[in-house]
Amino acid sequence: MHPTGDWTGKAFAHEAFLYSSDEEAVARCVPFVQEGLDRGEPVIVVASEAVREALLAHLGDEAGRLAVVAASEGWWQGGFGTLAAYDRDLQQLRANGTPWRLIGEPTWLALPDGRVWSRFEAVANDAYADLPYYSLCLHDTRRLAPDVLEAVLRSHPMTWGGTEPVASPTYEDTATFLRQAEPAWTERPAGALVRQVGDARQARALVGEVLGGEQAGEVGGLAGEREQDALIAVNELVSNALRAAGSAEVSTWREDGCRVWEVADSGPGFHAATAGYVPPADDLDCGRGLWLARGLASDATVRATGEGAAIRLFFRD
């Protein structure tokens, strides 16, 4: 058996392992852990209670050499909250200067709001490509819906072939996966409110005007906290557009129980499908606005084609 194939510890390796019994999970994880310990690589385990207990029982005294053993059940903080914590820990490990390996089980994929995690799994393939670690992602077929498992195999470059990792036959590159996973970019409805704005103050006034009208009794409406989220998020996108192009087109409408905000400009556009998904470096101001806006909205999508930049934010009532 070759638990990590030809992985050299110099770049990111990303495997999806689907299992239907605790015994299957342990049979995959024990050689993976032992190889890491033999190589002197930190081994981190963040998994369900059943997998943790079974794995620790099989490892015996060797379990004490694991760098981290933690419950995955308490990790879910929403998509962007969990990703921020994940990113912080990865950067700390990177600073140590040695390869490491992770057994991670995103149990939250079974939650209605947890399905979005497959997008972050896809983003990781680009955003963390140069990090020296192997991520073995466990997925319990007894708990996860078929469409979730399908997304898992589409967002992970590798799966288990029985004796070594092999290429996932349904894997898609990050941009392709995100285009299908994010809300589809459809024609803006004829009744949408559209305004050109030349400064952030005008954008804030527009958002306040629209949301104030909803609170006064028009169709639908956001609660106070979500109203503030929308105000901040749109302001961030408009600020980005003003820096890129000097002006922005802001439009808004209601759709399927959501207030939708679109901010478009004629600037250079987005250069990466992962824009706004990964927390920007602490010492950089650029990129923080789109990250913040995505995190505040219920969902978001970026125009896949066309000149300039355009992003839509969805705020559910």
Foldseek 3Di string as FASTA:
>chain_A
DALAPPQPLQWEAFEEEEDADLVVVLVNVQVVVVVCVVVVAAEEEAEAPSNLVVNCVVCDPVVVRHPYHHYLVPQDPAQQVSQQVVQVVLVVVVVVVGEHEYEEENLCCLPPRSLCNLLVLLLCCPPRGRRRYYYYYYDHPVRHDPVSVLSNLQRHQWYDDPPYIDGRPNHDHNLVSQCVVAPHDDDDDPPKDKDKDQALVVVLVVLCVVQVVVVVPDPAHDPPVLSVLVSLLSSLLQVVQCVFARMWMWIWDDDDQWIKIKIWHQGAEDDDSCQLSHCDDPVDPPSNSSVSNCVSASGKDWDPDDGTTMMMGIHGD
